[in-house]
Amino acid sequence: MRDRINEAAKDSGRSMNTEIVSRLDQSLNMDLEVDNVWQEVHRRDAQIRALEEKLYEREKEQKEIQTRAMERDLYWTNISLALNGVRRANLIQFRASLKHILMSSDNFPPSLKSYAEDMLSVLNEKYDDLPETAEAMRFLVTQADDAHNLVYAAPDGELDPDFIIDPPKQK
């Protein structure tokens, strides 16, 4: 090792003692630089972790917003489907009433029978997809009951005719 130090001292034009001091100084400065690099690595790593946490929180908020939007959409879709069932059930009942009027020829005045024929014609023309079967009618009545329960169900689950549930809140 002494020969290597002597050769390095000659190459740099210094004494062996000066070469040793220079090499020790370089080594200590290098340790400081390595320490500074590690401190910078740790500082940036902490910044990255903080940014990752913010990103995670934003993603979580975004998912909550999407969930609330989907809940609102589902709420209004259910209301729409249920109210459509109510409308169709009412139309079927109206059609049945009109047919009853027409079949009971002696019990109703001619003007009412004429009105019933006109209305039945409009119903058959405009709503030709209304079901005729009792099973289809039961399905529509169930939809109507579901609409009633959806709209009039209080938070405790009890039906309250004076309570109408609000749609999901926007935050």
C-alpha atoms as a PDB file:
ATOM      1  CA  MET A   1       0.000   0.000   0.000  1.00  0.00           C
ATOM      2  CA  ARG A   2       2.907   2.320   0.784  1.00  0.00           C
ATOM      3  CA  ASP A   3       4.205   1.845  -2.767  1.00  0.00           C
ATOM      4  CA  ARG A   4       0.797   2.720  -4.227  1.00  0.00           C
ATOM      5  CA  ILE A   5       0.604   5.924  -2.117  1.00  0.00           C
ATOM      6  CA  ASN A   6       4.165   6.850  -3.126  1.00  0.00           C
ATOM      7  CA  GLU A   7       3.341   6.313  -6.818  1.00  0.00           C
ATOM      8  CA  ALA A   8       0.106   8.370  -6.536  1.00  0.00           C
ATOM      9  CA  ALA A   9       2.035  11.175  -4.768  1.00  0.00           C
ATOM     10  CA  LYS A  10       4.639  11.272  -7.580  1.00  0.00           C
ATOM     11  CA  ASP A  11       1.887  11.331 -10.250  1.00  0.00           C
ATOM     12  CA  SER A  12       0.195  14.303  -8.561  1.00  0.00           C
ATOM     13  CA  GLY A  13       3.460  16.068  -7.724  1.00  0.00           C
ATOM     14  CA  ARG A  14       2.914  15.955  -3.956  1.00  0.00           C
ATOM     15  CA  SER A  15       4.618  14.463  -0.957  1.00  0.00           C
ATOM     16  CA  MET A  16       3.310  11.206   0.473  1.00  0.00           C
ATOM     17  CA  ASN A  17       1.977  13.012   3.534  1.00  0.00           C
ATOM     18  CA  THR A  18       0.145  15.589   1.379  1.00  0.00           C
ATOM     19  CA  GLU A  19      -1.253  12.763  -0.794  1.00  0.00           C
ATOM     20  CA  ILE A  20      -2.557  10.909   2.287  1.00  0.00           C
ATOM     21  CA  VAL A  21      -4.190  14.091   3.666  1.00  0.00           C
ATOM     22  CA  SER A  22      -5.679  14.851   0.229  1.00  0.00           C
ATOM     23  CA  ARG A  23      -7.080  11.310  -0.071  1.00  0.00           C
ATOM     24  CA  LEU A  24      -8.583  11.436   3.442  1.00  0.00           C
ATOM     25  CA  ASP A  25     -10.122  14.845   2.710  1.00  0.00           C
ATOM     26  CA  GLN A  26     -11.614  13.503  -0.540  1.00  0.00           C
ATOM     27  CA  SER A  27     -13.006  10.483   1.272  1.00  0.00           C
ATOM     28  CA  LEU A  28     -14.647  12.621   3.979  1.00  0.00           C
ATOM     29  CA  ASN A  29     -16.081  15.032   1.400  1.00  0.00           C
ATOM     30  CA  MET A  30     -17.426  12.090  -0.552  1.00  0.00           C
ATOM     31  CA  ASP A  31     -19.161  10.800   2.583  1.00  0.00           C
ATOM     32  CA  LEU A  32     -20.788  14.230   2.995  1.00  0.00           C
ATOM     33  CA  GLU A  33     -21.921  14.172  -0.635  1.00  0.00           C
ATOM     34  CA  VAL A  34     -23.333  10.673  -0.205  1.00  0.00           C
ATOM     35  CA  ASP A  35     -25.134  11.836   2.937  1.00  0.00           C
ATOM     36  CA  ASN A  36     -26.540  14.835   1.026  1.00  0.00           C
ATOM     37  CA  VAL A  37     -27.688  12.564  -1.791  1.00  0.00           C
ATOM     38  CA  TRP A  38     -29.409  10.235   0.695  1.00  0.00           C
ATOM     39  CA  GLN A  39     -31.085  13.174   2.417  1.00  0.00           C
ATOM     40  CA  GLU A  40     -32.374  14.350  -0.957  1.00  0.00           C
ATOM     41  CA  VAL A  41     -33.581  10.829  -1.773  1.00  0.00           C
ATOM     42  CA  HIS A  42     -35.458  10.652   1.543  1.00  0.00           C
ATOM     43  CA  ARG A  43     -36.932  14.136   1.041  1.00  0.00           C
ATOM     44  CA  ARG A  44     -38.175  13.270  -2.436  1.00  0.00           C
ATOM     45  CA  ASP A  45     -39.455   9.911  -1.253  1.00  0.00           C
ATOM     46  CA  ALA A  46     -41.524  11.723   1.393  1.00  0.00           C
ATOM     47  CA  GLN A  47     -42.856  14.074  -1.307  1.00  0.00           C
ATOM     48  CA  ILE A  48     -43.796  11.096  -3.468  1.00  0.00           C
ATOM     49  CA  ARG A  49     -45.599   9.439  -0.548  1.00  0.00           C
ATOM     50  CA  ALA A  50     -47.492  12.671   0.165  1.00  0.00           C
ATOM     51  CA  LEU A  51     -48.510  12.957  -3.493  1.00  0.00           C
ATOM     52  CA  GLU A  52     -49.572   9.306  -3.553  1.00  0.00           C
ATOM     53  CA  GLU A  53     -51.729   9.931  -0.458  1.00  0.00           C
ATOM     54  CA  LYS A  54     -53.353  12.967  -2.113  1.00  0.00           C
ATOM     55  CA  LEU A  55     -53.972  10.918  -5.255  1.00  0.00           C
ATOM     56  CA  TYR A  56     -55.521   8.124  -3.180  1.00  0.00           C
ATOM     57  CA  GLU A  57     -57.810  10.619  -1.403  1.00  0.00           C
ATOM     58  CA  ARG A  58     -58.864  12.191  -4.710  1.00  0.00           C
ATOM     59  CA  GLU A  59     -59.584   8.767  -6.203  1.00  0.00           C
ATOM     60  CA  LYS A  60     -61.620   7.908  -3.099  1.00  0.00           C
ATOM     61  CA  GLU A  61     -63.590  11.185  -3.404  1.00  0.00           C
ATOM     62  CA  GLN A  62     -64.153  10.518  -7.111  1.00  0.00           C
ATOM     63  CA  LYS A  63     -65.502   7.029  -6.370  1.00  0.00           C
ATOM     64  CA  GLU A  64     -67.856   8.488  -3.746  1.00  0.00           C
ATOM     65  CA  ILE A  65     -69.108  11.063  -6.251  1.00  0.00           C
ATOM     66  CA  GLN A  66     -69.639   8.348  -8.862  1.00  0.00           C
ATOM     67  CA  THR A  67     -71.458   6.163  -6.323  1.00  0.00           C
ATOM     68  CA  ARG A  68     -73.784   9.019  -5.343  1.00  0.00           C
ATOM     69  CA  ALA A  69     -74.459   9.778  -9.025  1.00  0.00           C
ATOM     70  CA  MET A  70     -75.268   6.126  -9.688  1.00  0.00           C
ATOM     71  CA  GLU A  71     -77.555   6.036  -6.631  1.00  0.00           C
ATOM     72  CA  ARG A  72     -79.396   9.135  -7.891  1.00  0.00           C
ATOM     73  CA  ASP A  73     -79.714   7.638 -11.377  1.00  0.00           C
ATOM     74  CA  LEU A  74     -80.974   4.364  -9.936  1.00  0.00           C
ATOM     75  CA  TYR A  75     -83.433   6.200  -7.694  1.00  0.00           C
ATOM     76  CA  TRP A  76     -84.941   8.140 -10.592  1.00  0.00           C
ATOM     77  CA  THR A  77     -84.927   5.086 -12.855  1.00  0.00           C
ATOM     78  CA  ASN A  78     -86.832   3.122 -10.209  1.00  0.00           C
ATOM     79  CA  ILE A  79     -89.305   5.963  -9.746  1.00  0.00           C
ATOM     80  CA  SER A  80     -89.793   6.199 -13.507  1.00  0.00           C
ATOM     81  CA  LEU A  81     -90.308   2.446 -13.914  1.00  0.00           C
ATOM     82  CA  ALA A  82     -92.673   2.262 -10.974  1.00  0.00           C
ATOM     83  CA  LEU A  83     -94.729   5.261 -12.103  1.00  0.00           C
ATOM     84  CA  ASN A  84     -94.900   3.814 -15.610  1.00  0.00           C
ATOM     85  CA  GLY A  85     -96.330   0.655 -14.042  1.00  0.00           C
ATOM     86  CA  VAL A  86     -98.904   2.752 -12.208  1.00  0.00           C
ATOM     87  CA  ARG A  87     -99.835   4.570 -15.419  1.00  0.00           C
ATOM     88  CA  ARG A  88    -100.207   1.314 -17.346  1.00  0.00           C
ATOM     89  CA  ALA A  89    -102.249  -0.297 -14.547  1.00  0.00           C
ATOM     90  CA  ASN A  90    -104.571   2.726 -14.494  1.00  0.00           C
ATOM     91  CA  LEU A  91    -104.984   2.559 -18.270  1.00  0.00           C
ATOM     92  CA  ILE A  92    -105.852  -1.150 -18.087  1.00  0.00           C
ATOM     93  CA  GLN A  93    -108.389  -0.482 -15.360  1.00  0.00           C
ATOM     94  CA  PHE A  94    -109.832   2.371 -17.406  1.00  0.00           C
ATOM     95  CA  ARG A  95    -110.061   0.091 -20.455  1.00  0.00           C
ATOM     96  CA  ALA A  96    -111.826  -2.566 -18.353  1.00  0.00           C
ATOM     97  CA  SER A  97    -114.304   0.063 -17.102  1.00  0.00           C
ATOM     98  CA  LEU A  98    -115.016   1.191 -20.664  1.00  0.00           C
ATOM     99  CA  LYS A  99    -115.600  -2.415 -21.756  1.00  0.00           C
ATOM    100  CA  HIS A 100    -117.925  -2.906 -18.796  1.00  0.00           C
ATOM    101  CA  ILE A 101    -119.942   0.155 -19.848  1.00  0.00           C
ATOM    102  CA  LEU A 102    -120.222  -1.159 -23.394  1.00  0.00           C
ATOM    103  CA  MET A 103    -121.232  -4.662 -22.272  1.00  0.00           C
ATOM    104  CA  SER A 104    -123.914  -3.358 -19.899  1.00  0.00           C
ATOM    105  CA  SER A 105    -126.057  -1.854 -22.636  1.00  0.00           C
ATOM    106  CA  ASP A 106    -129.208  -1.234 -20.622  1.00  0.00           C
ATOM    107  CA  ASN A 107    -127.673   0.380 -17.542  1.00  0.00           C
ATOM    108  CA  PHE A 108    -125.935   3.395 -19.132  1.00  0.00           C
ATOM    109  CA  PRO A 109    -127.200   6.293 -21.286  1.00  0.00           C
ATOM    110  CA  PRO A 110    -126.321   6.243 -25.019  1.00  0.00           C
ATOM    111  CA  SER A 111    -124.099   9.331 -24.699  1.00  0.00           C
ATOM    112  CA  LEU A 112    -121.930   7.528 -22.130  1.00  0.00           C
ATOM    113  CA  LYS A 113    -121.774   4.441 -24.328  1.00  0.00           C
ATOM    114  CA  SER A 114    -120.707   6.596 -27.288  1.00  0.00           C
ATOM    115  CA  TYR A 115    -118.017   8.244 -25.140  1.00  0.00           C
ATOM    116  CA  ALA A 116    -116.851   4.804 -23.956  1.00  0.00           C
ATOM    117  CA  GLU A 117    -116.582   3.577 -27.574  1.00  0.00           C
ATOM    118  CA  ASP A 118    -114.544   6.655 -28.567  1.00  0.00           C
ATOM    119  CA  MET A 119    -112.236   6.346 -25.572  1.00  0.00           C
ATOM    120  CA  LEU A 120    -111.777   2.602 -26.098  1.00  0.00           C
ATOM    121  CA  SER A 121    -110.898   3.255 -29.720  1.00  0.00           C
ATOM    122  CA  VAL A 122    -108.272   5.820 -28.673  1.00  0.00           C
ATOM    123  CA  LEU A 123    -106.883   3.469 -26.029  1.00  0.00           C
ATOM    124  CA  ASN A 124    -106.649   0.570 -28.467  1.00  0.00           C
ATOM    125  CA  GLU A 125    -105.007   2.766 -31.083  1.00  0.00           C
ATOM    126  CA  LYS A 126    -102.581   4.648 -28.864  1.00  0.00           C
ATOM    127  CA  TYR A 127    -101.828   1.972 -26.274  1.00  0.00           C
ATOM    128  CA  ASP A 128    -101.981  -1.212 -28.292  1.00  0.00           C
ATOM    129  CA  ASP A 129     -99.275  -2.794 -26.106  1.00  0.00           C
ATOM    130  CA  LEU A 130    -101.331  -2.839 -22.911  1.00  0.00           C
ATOM    131  CA  PRO A 131    -101.498  -6.396 -21.609  1.00  0.00           C
ATOM    132  CA  GLU A 132    -104.774  -8.238 -21.437  1.00  0.00           C
ATOM    133  CA  THR A 133    -103.892 -11.066 -19.035  1.00  0.00           C
ATOM    134  CA  ALA A 134    -104.551 -11.160 -15.313  1.00  0.00           C
ATOM    135  CA  GLU A 135    -100.902 -12.112 -14.735  1.00  0.00           C
ATOM    136  CA  ALA A 136     -99.708  -8.982 -16.550  1.00  0.00           C
ATOM    137  CA  MET A 137    -102.173  -6.915 -14.550  1.00  0.00           C
ATOM    138  CA  ARG A 138    -100.864  -8.399 -11.280  1.00  0.00           C
ATOM    139  CA  PHE A 139     -97.329  -7.516 -12.370  1.00  0.00           C
ATOM    140  CA  LEU A 140     -98.362  -3.908 -13.020  1.00  0.00           C
ATOM    141  CA  VAL A 141    -100.200  -3.725  -9.689  1.00  0.00           C
ATOM    142  CA  THR A 142     -97.010  -4.984  -7.999  1.00  0.00           C
ATOM    143  CA  GLN A 143     -95.079  -2.252  -9.809  1.00  0.00           C
ATOM    144  CA  ALA A 144     -97.628   0.281  -8.596  1.00  0.00           C
ATOM    145  CA  ASP A 145     -97.247  -0.990  -5.020  1.00  0.00           C
ATOM    146  CA  ASP A 146     -93.471  -0.764  -5.383  1.00  0.00           C
ATOM    147  CA  ALA A 147     -93.822   2.833  -6.577  1.00  0.00           C
ATOM    148  CA  HIS A 148     -96.005   3.628  -3.592  1.00  0.00           C
ATOM    149  CA  ASN A 149     -93.540   2.020  -1.195  1.00  0.00           C
ATOM    150  CA  LEU A 150     -90.584   3.747  -2.823  1.00  0.00           C
ATOM    151  CA  VAL A 151     -92.157   7.179  -2.678  1.00  0.00           C
ATOM    152  CA  TYR A 152     -93.935   6.910   0.685  1.00  0.00           C
ATOM    153  CA  ALA A 153     -91.484   4.829   2.718  1.00  0.00           C
ATOM    154  CA  ALA A 154     -90.217   6.750   5.726  1.00  0.00           C
ATOM    155  CA  PRO A 155     -86.581   6.248   6.817  1.00  0.00           C
ATOM    156  CA  ASP A 156     -87.706   3.790   9.503  1.00  0.00           C
ATOM    157  CA  GLY A 157     -89.281   1.595   6.795  1.00  0.00           C
ATOM    158  CA  GLU A 158     -92.867   2.300   7.823  1.00  0.00           C
ATOM    159  CA  LEU A 159     -95.295   3.520   5.174  1.00  0.00           C
ATOM    160  CA  ASP A 160     -96.399   7.057   5.845  1.00  0.00           C
ATOM    161  CA  PRO A 161     -98.843   8.657   3.359  1.00  0.00           C
ATOM    162  CA  ASP A 162     -97.696  12.119   4.442  1.00  0.00           C
ATOM    163  CA  PHE A 163     -94.015  11.342   3.895  1.00  0.00           C
ATOM    164  CA  ILE A 164     -92.370  11.556   0.508  1.00  0.00           C
ATOM    165  CA  ILE A 165     -88.739  10.516   0.413  1.00  0.00           C
ATOM    166  CA  ASP A 166     -86.319  12.971  -1.113  1.00  0.00           C
ATOM    167  CA  PRO A 167     -83.958  11.808  -3.827  1.00  0.00           C
ATOM    168  CA  PRO A 168     -80.347  11.084  -2.791  1.00  0.00           C
ATOM    169  CA  LYS A 169     -78.610  14.292  -1.776  1.00  0.00           C
ATOM    170  CA  GLN A 170     -75.899  15.905  -3.878  1.00  0.00           C
ATOM    171  CA  LYS A 171     -72.751  16.655  -1.938  1.00  0.00           C
END
